[in-house]
Amino acid sequence: MRVVLDGVFNHSGRGFWPFHHLLENGPQSPYRDWFHVKGWPLNAYDPSGEPNYVAWWGLRPLPKLNVSNPQTREYLLGVAEHWIRFGIDGWRLDVPTEIADAEFWREFRRRVRRANPEAYLVGEIWHEAPEWLEGTASMP
């Protein structure tokens, strides 16, 4: 049997500990730049108004991660590498095209393959995207 984890590196859930810390501590949280916050206090639960942070497809329970932030980026890449070293066989990447940062994916691939050169990487992409197969992550 092979084990491939489903990796969601574009967004999290409201229960993700850095987002929860942000809800509890507001702008004083060291995790404020891990997300795309538009205003305070965060409106994470009141359905009568729009969320005041970027959420995946506008869905309040799914705050979008800020992969441009060095701490967020390192955390995510570290998670990818950790689980490969732990023994998983690969990653199934959820909506990878929604992280329009080619260097993030190049570094993701480098770190995963450094940990296991045979690691399986597959992305959920709903259109033809041969550039994602080059191994250089030359996508937009």
N, C-alpha and C. Protein backbone atom coordinates (compact mmCIF):
# COMPACT_ATOMS: atom_id res chain seq x y z
N MET A 1 0.85 -1.16 0.00
CA MET A 1 0.00 0.00 0.00
C MET A 1 0.90 1.24 0.00
N ARG A 2 0.47 2.27 -0.70
CA ARG A 2 1.15 3.57 -0.74
C ARG A 2 0.24 4.60 -0.07
N VAL A 3 0.88 5.58 0.56
CA VAL A 3 0.12 6.64 1.24
C VAL A 3 0.46 7.97 0.59
N VAL A 4 -0.58 8.64 0.08
CA VAL A 4 -0.45 9.96 -0.52
C VAL A 4 -1.38 10.88 0.27
N LEU A 5 -0.82 11.94 0.83
CA LEU A 5 -1.64 12.88 1.60
C LEU A 5 -2.21 13.95 0.67
N ASP A 6 -3.38 14.44 1.03
CA ASP A 6 -4.05 15.52 0.31
C ASP A 6 -3.59 16.83 0.93
N GLY A 7 -2.80 17.59 0.21
CA GLY A 7 -2.26 18.84 0.74
C GLY A 7 -2.99 20.05 0.24
N VAL A 8 -3.51 20.82 1.17
CA VAL A 8 -4.18 22.08 0.84
C VAL A 8 -3.26 23.20 1.32
N PHE A 9 -2.50 23.77 0.39
CA PHE A 9 -1.52 24.79 0.75
C PHE A 9 -1.99 26.20 0.38
N ASN A 10 -3.15 26.30 -0.24
CA ASN A 10 -3.71 27.57 -0.64
C ASN A 10 -4.55 28.21 0.47
N HIS A 11 -5.25 27.41 1.22
CA HIS A 11 -6.13 27.92 2.27
C HIS A 11 -6.17 26.94 3.42
N SER A 12 -6.72 27.40 4.53
CA SER A 12 -6.86 26.55 5.71
C SER A 12 -8.32 26.55 6.13
N GLY A 13 -8.57 26.06 7.31
CA GLY A 13 -9.88 26.16 7.92
C GLY A 13 -9.81 27.13 9.09
N ARG A 14 -10.97 27.55 9.57
CA ARG A 14 -10.98 28.46 10.73
C ARG A 14 -10.33 27.84 11.95
N GLY A 15 -10.31 26.51 12.04
CA GLY A 15 -9.72 25.84 13.19
C GLY A 15 -8.21 25.71 13.14
N PHE A 16 -7.58 26.11 12.04
CA PHE A 16 -6.12 26.07 11.94
C PHE A 16 -5.54 26.96 13.02
N TRP A 17 -4.62 26.44 13.80
CA TRP A 17 -4.14 27.14 14.99
C TRP A 17 -3.66 28.57 14.73
N PRO A 18 -2.96 28.92 13.64
CA PRO A 18 -2.59 30.33 13.46
C PRO A 18 -3.82 31.23 13.23
N PHE A 19 -4.83 30.72 12.52
CA PHE A 19 -6.03 31.53 12.31
C PHE A 19 -6.79 31.69 13.62
N HIS A 20 -6.85 30.62 14.39
CA HIS A 20 -7.52 30.69 15.69
C HIS A 20 -6.80 31.71 16.59
N HIS A 21 -5.47 31.70 16.56
CA HIS A 21 -4.69 32.67 17.35
C HIS A 21 -5.02 34.09 16.89
N LEU A 22 -5.16 34.26 15.60
CA LEU A 22 -5.52 35.57 15.04
C LEU A 22 -6.92 36.00 15.51
N LEU A 23 -7.85 35.07 15.54
CA LEU A 23 -9.20 35.39 16.03
C LEU A 23 -9.16 35.79 17.50
N GLU A 24 -8.35 35.12 18.27
CA GLU A 24 -8.26 35.39 19.71
C GLU A 24 -7.51 36.68 20.03
N ASN A 25 -6.49 37.02 19.23
CA ASN A 25 -5.58 38.12 19.59
C ASN A 25 -5.60 39.31 18.64
N GLY A 26 -6.33 39.20 17.55
CA GLY A 26 -6.44 40.33 16.62
C GLY A 26 -5.11 40.76 16.04
N PRO A 27 -4.96 42.06 15.81
CA PRO A 27 -3.75 42.55 15.13
C PRO A 27 -2.46 42.32 15.93
N GLN A 28 -2.57 41.97 17.21
CA GLN A 28 -1.37 41.69 18.00
C GLN A 28 -0.82 40.29 17.75
N SER A 29 -1.57 39.45 17.05
CA SER A 29 -1.13 38.09 16.77
C SER A 29 0.07 38.09 15.84
N PRO A 30 1.08 37.28 16.13
CA PRO A 30 2.21 37.18 15.22
C PRO A 30 1.83 36.49 13.90
N TYR A 31 0.61 35.98 13.81
CA TYR A 31 0.15 35.29 12.61
C TYR A 31 -0.71 36.18 11.71
N ARG A 32 -0.78 37.47 12.00
CA ARG A 32 -1.65 38.36 11.21
C ARG A 32 -1.28 38.39 9.74
N ASP A 33 0.01 38.21 9.41
CA ASP A 33 0.44 38.23 8.01
C ASP A 33 0.44 36.85 7.36
N TRP A 34 -0.04 35.86 8.08
CA TRP A 34 -0.18 34.53 7.49
C TRP A 34 -1.43 34.47 6.60
N PHE A 35 -2.29 35.47 6.72
CA PHE A 35 -3.55 35.52 5.99
C PHE A 35 -3.69 36.90 5.35
N HIS A 36 -4.71 37.09 4.57
CA HIS A 36 -4.97 38.36 3.90
C HIS A 36 -6.10 39.08 4.63
N VAL A 37 -5.74 39.80 5.69
CA VAL A 37 -6.72 40.46 6.54
C VAL A 37 -7.06 41.83 5.96
N LYS A 38 -8.37 42.14 5.91
CA LYS A 38 -8.85 43.41 5.38
C LYS A 38 -9.35 44.36 6.46
N GLY A 39 -9.56 43.87 7.68
CA GLY A 39 -10.08 44.73 8.73
C GLY A 39 -10.23 43.98 10.04
N TRP A 40 -10.42 44.76 11.09
CA TRP A 40 -10.53 44.22 12.46
C TRP A 40 -11.82 44.70 13.10
N PRO A 41 -12.40 43.94 14.00
CA PRO A 41 -12.10 42.55 14.31
C PRO A 41 -12.51 41.64 13.15
N LEU A 42 -11.92 40.47 13.09
CA LEU A 42 -12.25 39.54 12.02
C LEU A 42 -13.70 39.08 12.14
N ASN A 43 -14.36 39.04 11.02
CA ASN A 43 -15.74 38.56 10.97
C ASN A 43 -15.72 37.14 10.42
N ALA A 44 -15.41 36.19 11.29
CA ALA A 44 -15.25 34.81 10.85
C ALA A 44 -16.51 33.96 11.02
N TYR A 45 -17.50 34.47 11.76
CA TYR A 45 -18.66 33.63 12.06
C TYR A 45 -20.01 34.27 11.77
N ASP A 46 -20.10 35.57 11.70
CA ASP A 46 -21.38 36.24 11.50
C ASP A 46 -21.78 36.18 10.02
N PRO A 47 -22.79 35.39 9.69
CA PRO A 47 -23.18 35.23 8.28
C PRO A 47 -23.87 36.45 7.68
N SER A 48 -24.21 37.43 8.49
CA SER A 48 -24.92 38.60 7.97
C SER A 48 -24.00 39.55 7.20
N GLY A 49 -22.69 39.40 7.36
CA GLY A 49 -21.75 40.26 6.65
C GLY A 49 -20.69 39.43 5.94
N GLU A 50 -20.00 40.08 5.04
CA GLU A 50 -18.91 39.41 4.32
C GLU A 50 -17.72 39.20 5.26
N PRO A 51 -16.93 38.17 5.01
CA PRO A 51 -15.70 38.03 5.80
C PRO A 51 -14.75 39.19 5.46
N ASN A 52 -14.04 39.71 6.45
CA ASN A 52 -13.12 40.81 6.20
C ASN A 52 -11.68 40.30 6.10
N TYR A 53 -11.57 39.17 5.46
CA TYR A 53 -10.29 38.56 5.10
C TYR A 53 -10.55 37.79 3.81
N VAL A 54 -9.51 37.53 3.08
CA VAL A 54 -9.67 36.78 1.83
C VAL A 54 -9.93 35.32 2.20
N ALA A 55 -10.99 34.78 1.64
CA ALA A 55 -11.36 33.39 1.89
C ALA A 55 -11.46 32.68 0.54
N TRP A 56 -11.13 31.42 0.52
CA TRP A 56 -11.18 30.66 -0.72
C TRP A 56 -12.60 30.65 -1.27
N TRP A 57 -12.75 31.16 -2.47
CA TRP A 57 -14.04 31.30 -3.15
C TRP A 57 -15.06 32.05 -2.29
N GLY A 58 -14.57 32.90 -1.40
CA GLY A 58 -15.44 33.68 -0.53
C GLY A 58 -16.08 32.88 0.59
N LEU A 59 -15.62 31.66 0.78
CA LEU A 59 -16.19 30.80 1.82
C LEU A 59 -15.54 31.11 3.17
N ARG A 60 -16.30 31.72 4.04
CA ARG A 60 -15.83 32.19 5.35
C ARG A 60 -15.01 31.14 6.12
N PRO A 61 -15.39 29.86 6.12
CA PRO A 61 -14.62 28.89 6.90
C PRO A 61 -13.24 28.55 6.32
N LEU A 62 -12.91 29.09 5.13
CA LEU A 62 -11.67 28.71 4.46
C LEU A 62 -10.77 29.92 4.18
N PRO A 63 -10.11 30.46 5.21
CA PRO A 63 -9.24 31.63 4.99
C PRO A 63 -8.04 31.29 4.10
N LYS A 64 -7.78 32.20 3.16
CA LYS A 64 -6.68 32.01 2.21
C LYS A 64 -5.36 32.31 2.91
N LEU A 65 -4.40 31.41 2.70
CA LEU A 65 -3.07 31.59 3.27
C LEU A 65 -2.25 32.56 2.43
N ASN A 66 -1.41 33.32 3.08
CA ASN A 66 -0.53 34.27 2.42
C ASN A 66 0.83 33.60 2.23
N VAL A 67 1.02 32.92 1.09
CA VAL A 67 2.28 32.21 0.87
C VAL A 67 3.41 33.16 0.53
N SER A 68 3.13 34.44 0.35
CA SER A 68 4.18 35.43 0.15
C SER A 68 4.89 35.77 1.47
N ASN A 69 4.22 35.50 2.57
CA ASN A 69 4.82 35.74 3.88
C ASN A 69 5.88 34.67 4.15
N PRO A 70 7.12 35.06 4.45
CA PRO A 70 8.19 34.07 4.64
C PRO A 70 7.91 33.03 5.72
N GLN A 71 7.27 33.42 6.82
CA GLN A 71 6.98 32.46 7.89
C GLN A 71 5.92 31.45 7.45
N THR A 72 4.89 31.93 6.78
CA THR A 72 3.84 31.04 6.28
C THR A 72 4.45 30.07 5.28
N ARG A 73 5.20 30.61 4.37
CA ARG A 73 5.83 29.84 3.31
C ARG A 73 6.71 28.73 3.89
N GLU A 74 7.56 29.10 4.83
CA GLU A 74 8.47 28.11 5.44
C GLU A 74 7.68 27.05 6.20
N TYR A 75 6.63 27.47 6.89
CA TYR A 75 5.80 26.50 7.60
C TYR A 75 5.23 25.47 6.63
N LEU A 76 4.64 25.94 5.53
CA LEU A 76 4.02 25.04 4.56
C LEU A 76 5.04 24.12 3.90
N LEU A 77 6.17 24.66 3.51
CA LEU A 77 7.21 23.83 2.89
C LEU A 77 7.77 22.83 3.91
N GLY A 78 7.88 23.25 5.15
CA GLY A 78 8.33 22.35 6.20
C GLY A 78 7.35 21.21 6.44
N VAL A 79 6.06 21.50 6.36
CA VAL A 79 5.03 20.46 6.50
C VAL A 79 5.18 19.45 5.36
N ALA A 80 5.33 19.94 4.15
CA ALA A 80 5.48 19.05 2.99
C ALA A 80 6.67 18.12 3.17
N GLU A 81 7.78 18.69 3.57
CA GLU A 81 9.01 17.92 3.75
C GLU A 81 8.89 16.96 4.95
N HIS A 82 8.31 17.43 6.04
CA HIS A 82 8.18 16.61 7.24
C HIS A 82 7.47 15.29 6.95
N TRP A 83 6.33 15.37 6.27
CA TRP A 83 5.53 14.17 6.06
C TRP A 83 6.20 13.21 5.08
N ILE A 84 6.97 13.73 4.13
CA ILE A 84 7.73 12.85 3.24
C ILE A 84 8.79 12.12 4.07
N ARG A 85 9.50 12.85 4.92
CA ARG A 85 10.52 12.22 5.77
C ARG A 85 9.88 11.23 6.76
N PHE A 86 8.66 11.50 7.16
CA PHE A 86 7.94 10.60 8.06
C PHE A 86 7.61 9.28 7.38
N GLY A 87 7.48 9.32 6.04
CA GLY A 87 7.27 8.08 5.31
C GLY A 87 6.13 8.06 4.31
N ILE A 88 5.43 9.17 4.13
CA ILE A 88 4.38 9.14 3.11
C ILE A 88 5.05 9.01 1.73
N ASP A 89 4.28 8.58 0.76
CA ASP A 89 4.83 8.34 -0.58
C ASP A 89 4.62 9.51 -1.53
N GLY A 90 3.83 10.50 -1.14
CA GLY A 90 3.63 11.64 -2.02
C GLY A 90 2.54 12.56 -1.56
N TRP A 91 2.28 13.54 -2.43
CA TRP A 91 1.28 14.57 -2.15
C TRP A 91 0.30 14.69 -3.31
N ARG A 92 -0.96 14.80 -3.00
CA ARG A 92 -2.00 15.20 -3.94
C ARG A 92 -2.31 16.65 -3.59
N LEU A 93 -2.02 17.58 -4.49
CA LEU A 93 -2.12 19.01 -4.21
C LEU A 93 -3.49 19.55 -4.59
N ASP A 94 -4.18 20.08 -3.63
CA ASP A 94 -5.50 20.67 -3.83
C ASP A 94 -5.34 22.08 -4.41
N VAL A 95 -6.01 22.38 -5.47
CA VAL A 95 -6.02 23.68 -6.18
C VAL A 95 -4.64 24.36 -6.24
N PRO A 96 -3.62 23.69 -6.75
CA PRO A 96 -2.29 24.32 -6.78
C PRO A 96 -2.22 25.56 -7.67
N THR A 97 -3.08 25.63 -8.69
CA THR A 97 -3.04 26.80 -9.58
C THR A 97 -3.48 28.07 -8.89
N GLU A 98 -4.09 27.95 -7.71
CA GLU A 98 -4.52 29.14 -6.99
C GLU A 98 -3.41 29.74 -6.14
N ILE A 99 -2.23 29.15 -6.20
CA ILE A 99 -1.03 29.77 -5.68
C ILE A 99 -0.19 30.12 -6.91
N ALA A 100 -0.36 31.34 -7.38
CA ALA A 100 0.31 31.79 -8.62
C ALA A 100 1.72 32.28 -8.30
N ASP A 101 2.50 31.39 -7.73
CA ASP A 101 3.87 31.72 -7.33
C ASP A 101 4.74 30.53 -7.73
N ALA A 102 5.33 30.62 -8.91
CA ALA A 102 6.10 29.49 -9.44
C ALA A 102 7.24 29.09 -8.51
N GLU A 103 7.87 30.05 -7.85
CA GLU A 103 8.99 29.70 -6.97
C GLU A 103 8.53 28.88 -5.77
N PHE A 104 7.33 29.15 -5.27
CA PHE A 104 6.81 28.33 -4.17
C PHE A 104 6.77 26.87 -4.59
N TRP A 105 6.22 26.60 -5.79
CA TRP A 105 6.09 25.22 -6.25
C TRP A 105 7.43 24.61 -6.63
N ARG A 106 8.35 25.41 -7.17
CA ARG A 106 9.70 24.88 -7.44
C ARG A 106 10.36 24.43 -6.13
N GLU A 107 10.26 25.29 -5.11
CA GLU A 107 10.86 24.94 -3.82
C GLU A 107 10.14 23.76 -3.18
N PHE A 108 8.83 23.69 -3.32
CA PHE A 108 8.06 22.55 -2.82
C PHE A 108 8.61 21.26 -3.43
N ARG A 109 8.72 21.26 -4.74
CA ARG A 109 9.21 20.07 -5.45
C ARG A 109 10.64 19.73 -5.03
N ARG A 110 11.52 20.73 -4.96
CA ARG A 110 12.91 20.49 -4.56
C ARG A 110 12.99 19.84 -3.18
N ARG A 111 12.25 20.39 -2.24
CA ARG A 111 12.33 19.88 -0.86
C ARG A 111 11.72 18.50 -0.73
N VAL A 112 10.61 18.26 -1.41
CA VAL A 112 9.99 16.94 -1.36
C VAL A 112 10.91 15.91 -2.01
N ARG A 113 11.44 16.24 -3.18
CA ARG A 113 12.30 15.29 -3.90
C ARG A 113 13.65 15.10 -3.23
N ARG A 114 14.13 16.10 -2.51
CA ARG A 114 15.37 15.93 -1.75
C ARG A 114 15.14 14.90 -0.63
N ALA A 115 13.96 14.95 -0.03
CA ALA A 115 13.62 14.00 1.04
C ALA A 115 13.33 12.61 0.49
N ASN A 116 12.72 12.54 -0.68
CA ASN A 116 12.42 11.25 -1.33
C ASN A 116 12.35 11.48 -2.84
N PRO A 117 13.41 11.12 -3.55
CA PRO A 117 13.45 11.34 -5.00
C PRO A 117 12.34 10.63 -5.77
N GLU A 118 11.73 9.63 -5.16
CA GLU A 118 10.64 8.87 -5.81
C GLU A 118 9.25 9.35 -5.38
N ALA A 119 9.19 10.42 -4.62
CA ALA A 119 7.89 10.91 -4.13
C ALA A 119 6.95 11.21 -5.29
N TYR A 120 5.69 10.84 -5.12
CA TYR A 120 4.65 11.05 -6.12
C TYR A 120 4.02 12.41 -5.87
N LEU A 121 3.94 13.24 -6.90
CA LEU A 121 3.30 14.55 -6.82
C LEU A 121 2.23 14.63 -7.89
N VAL A 122 1.02 14.96 -7.48
CA VAL A 122 -0.08 15.12 -8.43
C VAL A 122 -0.91 16.31 -7.97
N GLY A 123 -1.36 17.11 -8.93
CA GLY A 123 -2.16 18.28 -8.59
C GLY A 123 -3.55 18.22 -9.19
N GLU A 124 -4.51 18.75 -8.47
CA GLU A 124 -5.88 18.86 -8.96
C GLU A 124 -5.96 20.12 -9.82
N ILE A 125 -5.85 19.92 -11.12
CA ILE A 125 -5.92 21.04 -12.06
C ILE A 125 -7.01 20.71 -13.06
N TRP A 126 -7.96 21.61 -13.22
CA TRP A 126 -9.16 21.34 -14.00
C TRP A 126 -9.07 21.80 -15.45
N HIS A 127 -7.88 22.06 -15.92
CA HIS A 127 -7.70 22.42 -17.32
C HIS A 127 -6.38 21.82 -17.80
N GLU A 128 -6.19 21.82 -19.09
CA GLU A 128 -4.93 21.31 -19.62
C GLU A 128 -3.79 22.21 -19.15
N ALA A 129 -2.77 21.62 -18.58
CA ALA A 129 -1.69 22.41 -18.00
C ALA A 129 -0.35 21.68 -18.14
N PRO A 130 0.14 21.51 -19.35
CA PRO A 130 1.38 20.75 -19.55
C PRO A 130 2.59 21.39 -18.86
N GLU A 131 2.56 22.70 -18.64
CA GLU A 131 3.69 23.37 -17.98
C GLU A 131 3.92 22.83 -16.57
N TRP A 132 2.89 22.27 -15.95
CA TRP A 132 3.03 21.70 -14.61
C TRP A 132 3.75 20.36 -14.64
N LEU A 133 3.94 19.79 -15.81
CA LEU A 133 4.60 18.49 -15.93
C LEU A 133 6.08 18.61 -16.23
N GLU A 134 6.58 19.82 -16.43
CA GLU A 134 7.96 20.01 -16.81
C GLU A 134 8.95 19.73 -15.69
N GLY A 135 8.51 19.80 -14.45
CA GLY A 135 9.41 19.60 -13.33
C GLY A 135 10.15 20.86 -12.94
N THR A 136 9.89 21.94 -13.65
CA THR A 136 10.54 23.21 -13.32
C THR A 136 9.55 24.21 -12.77
N ALA A 137 8.30 23.84 -12.74
CA ALA A 137 7.23 24.71 -12.22
C ALA A 137 7.27 26.08 -12.88
N SER A 138 7.20 26.08 -14.20
CA SER A 138 7.24 27.34 -14.92
C SER A 138 5.85 27.95 -15.11
N MET A 139 4.91 27.50 -14.32
CA MET A 139 3.53 28.00 -14.43
C MET A 139 3.45 29.46 -14.00
N PRO A 140 2.32 30.08 -14.27
CA PRO A 140 2.16 31.52 -13.94
C PRO A 140 2.32 31.79 -12.45
